[in-house]
PDB file of N, CA and C in Angstrom:
ATOM      1  N   MET A   1      22.506  -7.287  47.838  1.00  0.00           N
ATOM      2  CA  MET A   1      21.590  -6.846  46.803  1.00  0.00           C
ATOM      3  C   MET A   1      20.875  -5.580  47.269  1.00  0.00           C
ATOM      4  N   ASP A   2      20.685  -4.631  46.362  1.00  0.00           N
ATOM      5  CA  ASP A   2      20.046  -3.355  46.678  1.00  0.00           C
ATOM      6  C   ASP A   2      18.545  -3.550  46.886  1.00  0.00           C
ATOM      7  N   GLU A   3      18.021  -3.080  48.015  1.00  0.00           N
ATOM      8  CA  GLU A   3      16.604  -3.258  48.321  1.00  0.00           C
ATOM      9  C   GLU A   3      15.717  -2.263  47.594  1.00  0.00           C
ATOM     10  N   ASN A   4      16.311  -1.242  46.955  1.00  0.00           N
ATOM     11  CA  ASN A   4      15.539  -0.233  46.230  1.00  0.00           C
ATOM     12  C   ASN A   4      15.229  -0.640  44.790  1.00  0.00           C
ATOM     13  N   ILE A   5      15.722  -1.770  44.380  1.00  0.00           N
ATOM     14  CA  ILE A   5      15.469  -2.234  43.012  1.00  0.00           C
ATOM     15  C   ILE A   5      14.013  -2.658  42.890  1.00  0.00           C
ATOM     16  N   GLN A   6      13.357  -2.144  41.851  1.00  0.00           N
ATOM     17  CA  GLN A   6      11.966  -2.508  41.610  1.00  0.00           C
ATOM     18  C   GLN A   6      11.879  -3.359  40.357  1.00  0.00           C
ATOM     19  N   PHE A   7      11.289  -4.522  40.511  1.00  0.00           N
ATOM     20  CA  PHE A   7      11.104  -5.413  39.387  1.00  0.00           C
ATOM     21  C   PHE A   7       9.735  -5.173  38.771  1.00  0.00           C
ATOM     22  N   ILE A   8       9.670  -5.361  37.456  1.00  0.00           N
ATOM     23  CA  ILE A   8       8.393  -5.251  36.753  1.00  0.00           C
ATOM     24  C   ILE A   8       8.181  -6.500  35.912  1.00  0.00           C
ATOM     25  N   ASP A   9       6.948  -6.740  35.545  1.00  0.00           N
ATOM     26  CA  ASP A   9       6.639  -7.821  34.611  1.00  0.00           C
ATOM     27  C   ASP A   9       6.662  -7.226  33.218  1.00  0.00           C
ATOM     28  N   PHE A  10       7.527  -7.729  32.364  1.00  0.00           N
ATOM     29  CA  PHE A  10       7.720  -7.201  31.020  1.00  0.00           C
ATOM     30  C   PHE A  10       7.270  -8.246  30.007  1.00  0.00           C
ATOM     31  N   PRO A  11       6.067  -8.087  29.431  1.00  0.00           N
ATOM     32  CA  PRO A  11       5.591  -9.065  28.446  1.00  0.00           C
ATOM     33  C   PRO A  11       6.300  -8.886  27.103  1.00  0.00           C
ATOM     34  N   TYR A  12       6.732  -9.971  26.545  1.00  0.00           N
ATOM     35  CA  TYR A  12       7.372  -9.968  25.238  1.00  0.00           C
ATOM     36  C   TYR A  12       6.916 -11.209  24.494  1.00  0.00           C
ATOM     37  N   GLU A  13       6.215 -10.982  23.369  1.00  0.00           N
ATOM     38  CA  GLU A  13       5.598 -12.050  22.605  1.00  0.00           C
ATOM     39  C   GLU A  13       4.715 -12.888  23.533  1.00  0.00           C
ATOM     40  N   GLU A  14       4.995 -14.155  23.735  1.00  0.00           N
ATOM     41  CA  GLU A  14       4.137 -15.001  24.563  1.00  0.00           C
ATOM     42  C   GLU A  14       4.724 -15.278  25.943  1.00  0.00           C
ATOM     43  N   VAL A  15       5.805 -14.585  26.289  1.00  0.00           N
ATOM     44  CA  VAL A  15       6.495 -14.820  27.556  1.00  0.00           C
ATOM     45  C   VAL A  15       6.510 -13.526  28.367  1.00  0.00           C
ATOM     46  N   THR A  16       6.386 -13.626  29.686  1.00  0.00           N
ATOM     47  CA  THR A  16       6.505 -12.472  30.565  1.00  0.00           C
ATOM     48  C   THR A  16       7.757 -12.640  31.414  1.00  0.00           C
ATOM     49  N   PHE A  17       8.617 -11.618  31.357  1.00  0.00           N
ATOM     50  CA  PHE A  17       9.877 -11.644  32.095  1.00  0.00           C
ATOM     51  C   PHE A  17       9.763 -10.755  33.327  1.00  0.00           C
ATOM     52  N   ARG A  18      10.380 -11.148  34.411  1.00  0.00           N
ATOM     53  CA  ARG A  18      10.466 -10.333  35.632  1.00  0.00           C
ATOM     54  C   ARG A  18      11.843  -9.685  35.589  1.00  0.00           C
ATOM     55  N   THR A  19      11.884  -8.342  35.452  1.00  0.00           N
ATOM     56  CA  THR A  19      13.151  -7.655  35.217  1.00  0.00           C
ATOM     57  C   THR A  19      13.122  -6.242  35.780  1.00  0.00           C
ATOM     58  N   THR A  20      14.229  -5.537  35.624  1.00  0.00           N
ATOM     59  CA  THR A  20      14.315  -4.124  35.994  1.00  0.00           C
ATOM     60  C   THR A  20      14.490  -3.315  34.707  1.00  0.00           C
ATOM     61  N   LEU A  21      14.242  -2.016  34.802  1.00  0.00           N
ATOM     62  CA  LEU A  21      14.413  -1.132  33.649  1.00  0.00           C
ATOM     63  C   LEU A  21      15.461  -0.078  33.968  1.00  0.00           C
ATOM     64  N   THR A  22      16.197   0.345  32.951  1.00  0.00           N
ATOM     65  CA  THR A  22      17.109   1.466  33.136  1.00  0.00           C
ATOM     66  C   THR A  22      16.285   2.742  33.231  1.00  0.00           C
ATOM     67  N   LYS A  23      16.847   3.788  33.811  1.00  0.00           N
ATOM     68  CA  LYS A  23      16.140   5.068  33.905  1.00  0.00           C
ATOM     69  C   LYS A  23      15.813   5.603  32.525  1.00  0.00           C
ATOM     70  N   LYS A  24      16.738   5.463  31.591  1.00  0.00           N
ATOM     71  CA  LYS A  24      16.523   5.956  30.227  1.00  0.00           C
ATOM     72  C   LYS A  24      15.322   5.248  29.589  1.00  0.00           C
ATOM     73  N   PHE A  25      15.236   3.951  29.749  1.00  0.00           N
ATOM     74  CA  PHE A  25      14.129   3.192  29.174  1.00  0.00           C
ATOM     75  C   PHE A  25      12.811   3.530  29.874  1.00  0.00           C
ATOM     76  N   ALA A  26      12.839   3.648  31.187  1.00  0.00           N
ATOM     77  CA  ALA A  26      11.615   3.934  31.935  1.00  0.00           C
ATOM     78  C   ALA A  26      11.078   5.331  31.629  1.00  0.00           C
ATOM     79  N   ASN A  27      11.952   6.287  31.294  1.00  0.00           N
ATOM     80  CA  ASN A  27      11.542   7.670  31.038  1.00  0.00           C
ATOM     81  C   ASN A  27      11.377   8.000  29.558  1.00  0.00           C
ATOM     82  N   ARG A  28      11.439   7.005  28.702  1.00  0.00           N
ATOM     83  CA  ARG A  28      11.345   7.265  27.272  1.00  0.00           C
ATOM     84  C   ARG A  28       9.949   7.772  26.905  1.00  0.00           C
ATOM     85  N   LYS A  29       9.879   8.461  25.773  1.00  0.00           N
ATOM     86  CA  LYS A  29       8.599   8.953  25.276  1.00  0.00           C
ATOM     87  C   LYS A  29       7.826   7.760  24.715  1.00  0.00           C
ATOM     88  N   PRO A  30       6.585   7.566  25.141  1.00  0.00           N
ATOM     89  CA  PRO A  30       5.825   6.420  24.630  1.00  0.00           C
ATOM     90  C   PRO A  30       5.497   6.582  23.153  1.00  0.00           C
ATOM     91  N   TYR A  31       5.378   5.470  22.466  1.00  0.00           N
ATOM     92  CA  TYR A  31       5.070   5.479  21.041  1.00  0.00           C
ATOM     93  C   TYR A  31       3.648   5.975  20.824  1.00  0.00           C
ATOM     94  N   SER A  32       3.490   6.817  19.831  1.00  0.00           N
ATOM     95  CA  SER A  32       2.150   7.219  19.408  1.00  0.00           C
ATOM     96  C   SER A  32       2.125   7.143  17.882  1.00  0.00           C
ATOM     97  N   PRO A  33       1.069   6.573  17.323  1.00  0.00           N
ATOM     98  CA  PRO A  33       1.020   6.428  15.875  1.00  0.00           C
ATOM     99  C   PRO A  33       1.005   7.791  15.184  1.00  0.00           C
ATOM    100  N   PRO A  34       1.565   7.873  13.980  1.00  0.00           N
ATOM    101  CA  PRO A  34       1.598   9.155  13.274  1.00  0.00           C
ATOM    102  C   PRO A  34       0.186   9.656  12.974  1.00  0.00           C
ATOM    103  N   ASP A  35       0.017  10.974  13.011  1.00  0.00           N
ATOM    104  CA  ASP A  35      -1.256  11.615  12.713  1.00  0.00           C
ATOM    105  C   ASP A  35      -1.172  12.177  11.301  1.00  0.00           C
ATOM    106  N   SER A  36      -2.015  11.708  10.388  1.00  0.00           N
ATOM    107  CA  SER A  36      -1.944  12.125   8.983  1.00  0.00           C
ATOM    108  C   SER A  36      -2.332  13.586   8.794  1.00  0.00           C
ATOM    109  N   ARG A  37      -2.885  14.230   9.822  1.00  0.00           N
ATOM    110  CA  ARG A  37      -3.238  15.644   9.720  1.00  0.00           C
ATOM    111  C   ARG A  37      -2.059  16.552  10.029  1.00  0.00           C
ATOM    112  N   ARG A  38      -1.001  16.011  10.594  1.00  0.00           N
ATOM    113  CA  ARG A  38       0.148  16.816  11.004  1.00  0.00           C
ATOM    114  C   ARG A  38       1.380  16.450  10.174  1.00  0.00           C
ATOM    115  N   VAL A  39       2.013  17.463   9.586  1.00  0.00           N
ATOM    116  CA  VAL A  39       3.255  17.261   8.840  1.00  0.00           C
ATOM    117  C   VAL A  39       4.363  17.835   9.700  1.00  0.00           C
ATOM    118  N   VAL A  40       5.299  16.970  10.115  1.00  0.00           N
ATOM    119  CA  VAL A  40       6.393  17.381  10.997  1.00  0.00           C
ATOM    120  C   VAL A  40       7.739  17.174  10.313  1.00  0.00           C
ATOM    121  N   ALA A  41       8.738  17.904  10.796  1.00  0.00           N
ATOM    122  CA  ALA A  41      10.095  17.774  10.264  1.00  0.00           C
ATOM    123  C   ALA A  41      10.672  16.434  10.719  1.00  0.00           C
ATOM    124  N   PHE A  42      11.077  15.621   9.777  1.00  0.00           N
ATOM    125  CA  PHE A  42      11.651  14.308  10.105  1.00  0.00           C
ATOM    126  C   PHE A  42      13.142  14.405  10.381  1.00  0.00           C
ATOM    127  N   ILE A  43      13.715  15.591  10.106  1.00  0.00           N
ATOM    128  CA  ILE A  43      15.136  15.846  10.303  1.00  0.00           C
ATOM    129  C   ILE A  43      15.294  17.361  10.487  1.00  0.00           C
ATOM    130  N   PRO A  44      16.292  17.823  11.238  1.00  0.00           N
ATOM    131  CA  PRO A  44      16.487  19.268  11.339  1.00  0.00           C
ATOM    132  C   PRO A  44      16.913  19.850   9.998  1.00  0.00           C
ATOM    133  N   GLY A  45      16.475  21.053   9.707  1.00  0.00           N
ATOM    134  CA  GLY A  45      16.847  21.653   8.434  1.00  0.00           C
ATOM    135  C   GLY A  45      16.294  23.052   8.266  1.00  0.00           C
ATOM    136  N   THR A  46      16.334  23.527   7.018  1.00  0.00           N
ATOM    137  CA  THR A  46      15.880  24.869   6.657  1.00  0.00           C
ATOM    138  C   THR A  46      14.732  24.766   5.660  1.00  0.00           C
ATOM    139  N   ILE A  47      13.699  25.565   5.851  1.00  0.00           N
ATOM    140  CA  ILE A  47      12.570  25.594   4.931  1.00  0.00           C
ATOM    141  C   ILE A  47      12.985  26.426   3.720  1.00  0.00           C
ATOM    142  N   LEU A  48      13.059  25.796   2.547  1.00  0.00           N
ATOM    143  CA  LEU A  48      13.454  26.505   1.333  1.00  0.00           C
ATOM    144  C   LEU A  48      12.264  27.138   0.627  1.00  0.00           C
ATOM    145  N   LYS A  49      11.144  26.445   0.612  1.00  0.00           N
ATOM    146  CA  LYS A  49       9.972  26.921  -0.138  1.00  0.00           C
ATOM    147  C   LYS A  49       8.717  26.395   0.527  1.00  0.00           C
ATOM    148  N   VAL A  50       7.717  27.258   0.658  1.00  0.00           N
ATOM    149  CA  VAL A  50       6.405  26.858   1.159  1.00  0.00           C
ATOM    150  C   VAL A  50       5.442  26.976  -0.013  1.00  0.00           C
ATOM    151  N   HIS A  51       4.812  25.849  -0.399  1.00  0.00           N
ATOM    152  CA  HIS A  51       3.939  25.811  -1.563  1.00  0.00           C
ATOM    153  C   HIS A  51       2.468  26.066  -1.229  1.00  0.00           C
ATOM    154  N   VAL A  52       2.098  26.081   0.038  1.00  0.00           N
ATOM    155  CA  VAL A  52       0.694  26.232   0.428  1.00  0.00           C
ATOM    156  C   VAL A  52       0.547  27.374   1.435  1.00  0.00           C
ATOM    157  N   LYS A  53      -0.688  27.785   1.643  1.00  0.00           N
ATOM    158  CA  LYS A  53      -0.981  28.786   2.671  1.00  0.00           C
ATOM    159  C   LYS A  53      -2.224  28.345   3.420  1.00  0.00           C
ATOM    160  N   ASP A  54      -2.524  28.998   4.528  1.00  0.00           N
ATOM    161  CA  ASP A  54      -3.702  28.660   5.319  1.00  0.00           C
ATOM    162  C   ASP A  54      -4.949  28.682   4.432  1.00  0.00           C
ATOM    163  N   GLY A  55      -5.756  27.631   4.531  1.00  0.00           N
ATOM    164  CA  GLY A  55      -6.993  27.547   3.762  1.00  0.00           C
ATOM    165  C   GLY A  55      -6.860  26.900   2.397  1.00  0.00           C
ATOM    166  N   SER A  56      -5.638  26.585   1.960  1.00  0.00           N
ATOM    167  CA  SER A  56      -5.438  25.930   0.657  1.00  0.00           C
ATOM    168  C   SER A  56      -6.024  24.528   0.679  1.00  0.00           C
ATOM    169  N   LYS A  57      -6.664  24.143  -0.412  1.00  0.00           N
ATOM    170  CA  LYS A  57      -7.151  22.770  -0.548  1.00  0.00           C
ATOM    171  C   LYS A  57      -6.037  21.949  -1.185  1.00  0.00           C
ATOM    172  N   VAL A  58      -5.766  20.765  -0.622  1.00  0.00           N
ATOM    173  CA  VAL A  58      -4.716  19.896  -1.144  1.00  0.00           C
ATOM    174  C   VAL A  58      -5.263  18.493  -1.373  1.00  0.00           C
ATOM    175  N   LYS A  59      -4.661  17.822  -2.332  1.00  0.00           N
ATOM    176  CA  LYS A  59      -4.975  16.419  -2.599  1.00  0.00           C
ATOM    177  C   LYS A  59      -3.763  15.596  -2.202  1.00  0.00           C
ATOM    178  N   LYS A  60      -3.992  14.312  -1.980  1.00  0.00           N
ATOM    179  CA  LYS A  60      -2.895  13.416  -1.628  1.00  0.00           C
ATOM    180  C   LYS A  60      -1.803  13.514  -2.695  1.00  0.00           C
ATOM    181  N   GLY A  61      -0.565  13.777  -2.252  1.00  0.00           N
ATOM    182  CA  GLY A  61       0.564  13.887  -3.168  1.00  0.00           C
ATOM    183  C   GLY A  61       0.910  15.308  -3.570  1.00  0.00           C
ATOM    184  N   ASP A  62       0.069  16.301  -3.230  1.00  0.00           N
ATOM    185  CA  ASP A  62       0.368  17.705  -3.553  1.00  0.00           C
ATOM    186  C   ASP A  62       1.563  18.188  -2.743  1.00  0.00           C
ATOM    187  N   LYS A  63       2.349  19.093  -3.344  1.00  0.00           N
ATOM    188  CA  LYS A  63       3.515  19.673  -2.669  1.00  0.00           C
ATOM    189  C   LYS A  63       3.053  20.573  -1.530  1.00  0.00           C
ATOM    190  N   LEU A  64       3.701  20.422  -0.370  1.00  0.00           N
ATOM    191  CA  LEU A  64       3.435  21.305   0.763  1.00  0.00           C
ATOM    192  C   LEU A  64       4.597  22.268   0.976  1.00  0.00           C
ATOM    193  N   LEU A  65       5.813  21.710   1.099  1.00  0.00           N
ATOM    194  CA  LEU A  65       6.987  22.557   1.275  1.00  0.00           C
ATOM    195  C   LEU A  65       8.250  21.778   0.975  1.00  0.00           C
ATOM    196  N   VAL A  66       9.364  22.499   0.910  1.00  0.00           N
ATOM    197  CA  VAL A  66      10.674  21.893   0.672  1.00  0.00           C
ATOM    198  C   VAL A  66      11.539  22.145   1.906  1.00  0.00           C
ATOM    199  N   LEU A  67      12.063  21.068   2.464  1.00  0.00           N
ATOM    200  CA  LEU A  67      12.933  21.119   3.645  1.00  0.00           C
ATOM    201  C   LEU A  67      14.341  20.715   3.221  1.00  0.00           C
ATOM    202  N   GLN A  68      15.288  21.626   3.381  1.00  0.00           N
ATOM    203  CA  GLN A  68      16.679  21.301   3.048  1.00  0.00           C
ATOM    204  C   GLN A  68      17.384  20.810   4.295  1.00  0.00           C
ATOM    205  N   ALA A  69      17.965  19.622   4.197  1.00  0.00           N
ATOM    206  CA  ALA A  69      18.699  19.035   5.311  1.00  0.00           C
ATOM    207  C   ALA A  69      19.903  18.291   4.761  1.00  0.00           C
ATOM    208  N   MET A  70      21.042  18.526   5.364  1.00  0.00           N
ATOM    209  CA  MET A  70      22.279  17.858   4.963  1.00  0.00           C
ATOM    210  C   MET A  70      22.545  18.044   3.468  1.00  0.00           C
ATOM    211  N   LYS A  71      22.325  19.270   2.975  1.00  0.00           N
ATOM    212  CA  LYS A  71      22.554  19.668   1.584  1.00  0.00           C
ATOM    213  C   LYS A  71      21.651  18.935   0.589  1.00  0.00           C
ATOM    214  N   MET A  72      20.544  18.389   1.078  1.00  0.00           N
ATOM    215  CA  MET A  72      19.578  17.719   0.196  1.00  0.00           C
ATOM    216  C   MET A  72      18.227  18.406   0.346  1.00  0.00           C
ATOM    217  N   ASP A  73      17.532  18.589  -0.780  1.00  0.00           N
ATOM    218  CA  ASP A  73      16.207  19.189  -0.766  1.00  0.00           C
ATOM    219  C   ASP A  73      15.174  18.073  -0.673  1.00  0.00           C
ATOM    220  N   ASN A  74      14.333  18.118   0.373  1.00  0.00           N
ATOM    221  CA  ASN A  74      13.316  17.105   0.611  1.00  0.00           C
ATOM    222  C   ASN A  74      11.944  17.711   0.389  1.00  0.00           C
ATOM    223  N   LEU A  75      11.228  17.208  -0.596  1.00  0.00           N
ATOM    224  CA  LEU A  75       9.884  17.679  -0.892  1.00  0.00           C
ATOM    225  C   LEU A  75       8.908  16.963   0.022  1.00  0.00           C
ATOM    226  N   LEU A  76       8.179  17.714   0.841  1.00  0.00           N
ATOM    227  CA  LEU A  76       7.174  17.139   1.722  1.00  0.00           C
ATOM    228  C   LEU A  76       5.818  17.310   1.056  1.00  0.00           C
ATOM    229  N   VAL A  77       5.082  16.206   0.954  1.00  0.00           N
ATOM    230  CA  VAL A  77       3.798  16.204   0.258  1.00  0.00           C
ATOM    231  C   VAL A  77       2.671  15.827   1.213  1.00  0.00           C
ATOM    232  N   ALA A  78       1.445  16.142   0.786  1.00  0.00           N
ATOM    233  CA  ALA A  78       0.269  15.805   1.592  1.00  0.00           C
ATOM    234  C   ALA A  78       0.057  14.298   1.567  1.00  0.00           C
ATOM    235  N   HIS A  79      -0.199  13.709   2.728  1.00  0.00           N
ATOM    236  CA  HIS A  79      -0.442  12.274   2.828  1.00  0.00           C
ATOM    237  C   HIS A  79      -1.909  11.930   2.643  1.00  0.00           C
ATOM    238  N   ARG A  80      -2.766  12.958   2.566  1.00  0.00           N
ATOM    239  CA  ARG A  80      -4.195  12.735   2.378  1.00  0.00           C
ATOM    240  C   ARG A  80      -4.825  14.001   1.817  1.00  0.00           C
ATOM    241  N   ASN A  81      -6.049  13.881   1.336  1.00  0.00           N
ATOM    242  CA  ASN A  81      -6.795  15.039   0.867  1.00  0.00           C
ATOM    243  C   ASN A  81      -7.223  15.872   2.064  1.00  0.00           C
ATOM    244  N   GLY A  82      -7.342  17.168   1.871  1.00  0.00           N
ATOM    245  CA  GLY A  82      -7.797  18.014   2.968  1.00  0.00           C
ATOM    246  C   GLY A  82      -7.597  19.488   2.680  1.00  0.00           C
ATOM    247  N   THR A  83      -7.760  20.267   3.711  1.00  0.00           N
ATOM    248  CA  THR A  83      -7.563  21.715   3.652  1.00  0.00           C
ATOM    249  C   THR A  83      -6.484  22.076   4.665  1.00  0.00           C
ATOM    250  N   VAL A  84      -5.605  22.989   4.278  1.00  0.00           N
ATOM    251  CA  VAL A  84      -4.538  23.414   5.181  1.00  0.00           C
ATOM    252  C   VAL A  84      -5.158  24.253   6.289  1.00  0.00           C
ATOM    253  N   LYS A  85      -5.069  23.747   7.509  1.00  0.00           N
ATOM    254  CA  LYS A  85      -5.593  24.458   8.675  1.00  0.00           C
ATOM    255  C   LYS A  85      -4.646  25.596   9.046  1.00  0.00           C
ATOM    256  N   LYS A  86      -3.329  25.279   9.099  1.00  0.00           N
ATOM    257  CA  LYS A  86      -2.341  26.299   9.472  1.00  0.00           C
ATOM    258  C   LYS A  86      -0.961  25.886   8.986  1.00  0.00           C
ATOM    259  N   VAL A  87      -0.222  26.869   8.491  1.00  0.00           N
ATOM    260  CA  VAL A  87       1.190  26.688   8.138  1.00  0.00           C
ATOM    261  C   VAL A  87       1.993  27.340   9.258  1.00  0.00           C
ATOM    262  N   TYR A  88       2.841  26.567   9.925  1.00  0.00           N
ATOM    263  CA  TYR A  88       3.569  27.044  11.102  1.00  0.00           C
ATOM    264  C   TYR A  88       4.971  27.568  10.803  1.00  0.00           C
ATOM    265  N   VAL A  89       5.407  27.495   9.553  1.00  0.00           N
ATOM    266  CA  VAL A  89       6.770  27.912   9.210  1.00  0.00           C
ATOM    267  C   VAL A  89       6.736  28.867   8.015  1.00  0.00           C
ATOM    268  N   LYS A  90       7.862  29.538   7.807  1.00  0.00           N
ATOM    269  CA  LYS A  90       7.990  30.403   6.637  1.00  0.00           C
ATOM    270  C   LYS A  90       9.332  30.121   5.966  1.00  0.00           C
ATOM    271  N   GLN A  91       9.450  30.572   4.743  1.00  0.00           N
ATOM    272  CA  GLN A  91      10.663  30.351   3.964  1.00  0.00           C
ATOM    273  C   GLN A  91      11.876  30.917   4.697  1.00  0.00           C
ATOM    274  N   GLY A  92      12.965  30.137   4.740  1.00  0.00           N
ATOM    275  CA  GLY A  92      14.209  30.548   5.371  1.00  0.00           C
ATOM    276  C   GLY A  92      14.309  30.174   6.842  1.00  0.00           C
ATOM    277  N   GLU A  93      13.232  29.692   7.421  1.00  0.00           N
ATOM    278  CA  GLU A  93      13.240  29.338   8.843  1.00  0.00           C
ATOM    279  C   GLU A  93      13.989  28.027   9.073  1.00  0.00           C
ATOM    280  N   VAL A  94      14.778  27.988  10.140  1.00  0.00           N
ATOM    281  CA  VAL A  94      15.489  26.776  10.542  1.00  0.00           C
ATOM    282  C   VAL A  94      14.611  26.053  11.555  1.00  0.00           C
ATOM    283  N   VAL A  95      14.379  24.748  11.308  1.00  0.00           N
ATOM    284  CA  VAL A  95      13.481  23.975  12.172  1.00  0.00           C
ATOM    285  C   VAL A  95      14.199  22.773  12.768  1.00  0.00           C
ATOM    286  N   PRO A  96      13.855  22.414  14.019  1.00  0.00           N
ATOM    287  CA  PRO A  96      14.420  21.210  14.622  1.00  0.00           C
ATOM    288  C   PRO A  96      13.610  19.975  14.217  1.00  0.00           C
ATOM    289  N   LYS A  97      14.155  18.820  14.502  1.00  0.00           N
ATOM    290  CA  LYS A  97      13.455  17.564  14.246  1.00  0.00           C
ATOM    291  C   LYS A  97      12.160  17.529  15.066  1.00  0.00           C
ATOM    292  N   HIS A  98      11.105  16.982  14.487  1.00  0.00           N
ATOM    293  CA  HIS A  98       9.778  16.809  15.091  1.00  0.00           C
ATOM    294  C   HIS A  98       8.964  18.095  15.211  1.00  0.00           C
ATOM    295  N   GLN A  99       9.436  19.215  14.666  1.00  0.00           N
ATOM    296  CA  GLN A  99       8.638  20.438  14.742  1.00  0.00           C
ATOM    297  C   GLN A  99       7.446  20.333  13.797  1.00  0.00           C
ATOM    298  N   LEU A 100       6.295  20.799  14.263  1.00  0.00           N
ATOM    299  CA  LEU A 100       5.095  20.825  13.440  1.00  0.00           C
ATOM    300  C   LEU A 100       5.258  21.879  12.365  1.00  0.00           C
ATOM    301  N   LEU A 101       5.093  21.486  11.088  1.00  0.00           N
ATOM    302  CA  LEU A 101       5.277  22.396   9.972  1.00  0.00           C
ATOM    303  C   LEU A 101       3.941  22.853   9.385  1.00  0.00           C
ATOM    304  N   VAL A 102       3.070  21.875   9.111  1.00  0.00           N
ATOM    305  CA  VAL A 102       1.770  22.157   8.487  1.00  0.00           C
ATOM    306  C   VAL A 102       0.736  21.269   9.149  1.00  0.00           C
ATOM    307  N   GLU A 103      -0.461  21.820   9.364  1.00  0.00           N
ATOM    308  CA  GLU A 103      -1.559  21.035   9.917  1.00  0.00           C
ATOM    309  C   GLU A 103      -2.729  21.070   8.944  1.00  0.00           C
ATOM    310  N   LEU A 104      -3.298  19.891   8.679  1.00  0.00           N
ATOM    311  CA  LEU A 104      -4.438  19.781   7.761  1.00  0.00           C
ATOM    312  C   LEU A 104      -5.706  19.536   8.571  1.00  0.00           C
ATOM    313  N   LYS A 105      -6.842  19.868   7.954  1.00  0.00           N
ATOM    314  CA  LYS A 105      -8.113  19.524   8.592  1.00  0.00           C
ATOM    315  C   LYS A 105      -8.957  18.719   7.645  1.00  0.00           C
TER     316      LYS A 105
END
């Protein structure tokens, strides 16, 4: 048996298991709850239309921008009332997944 193996206590529901982790699992990005002030690309794509600009007031459900991905146009809307703090993209820009597109305050 390899002496370099490190065991950890892994709680799951009401039971704690003594186990090892793969490198991929140990190095994964930890979960963080979504921030309603930040609108990010949920898929890679192209920005077709930007409906807001810095300083625009928006209400929940207002159009922010259109992201085209896999030949489909996805309308991204405000998840809450607020003011647009900054728009980080422009029309025609290609964005990767998880890129910050619009920030509200």
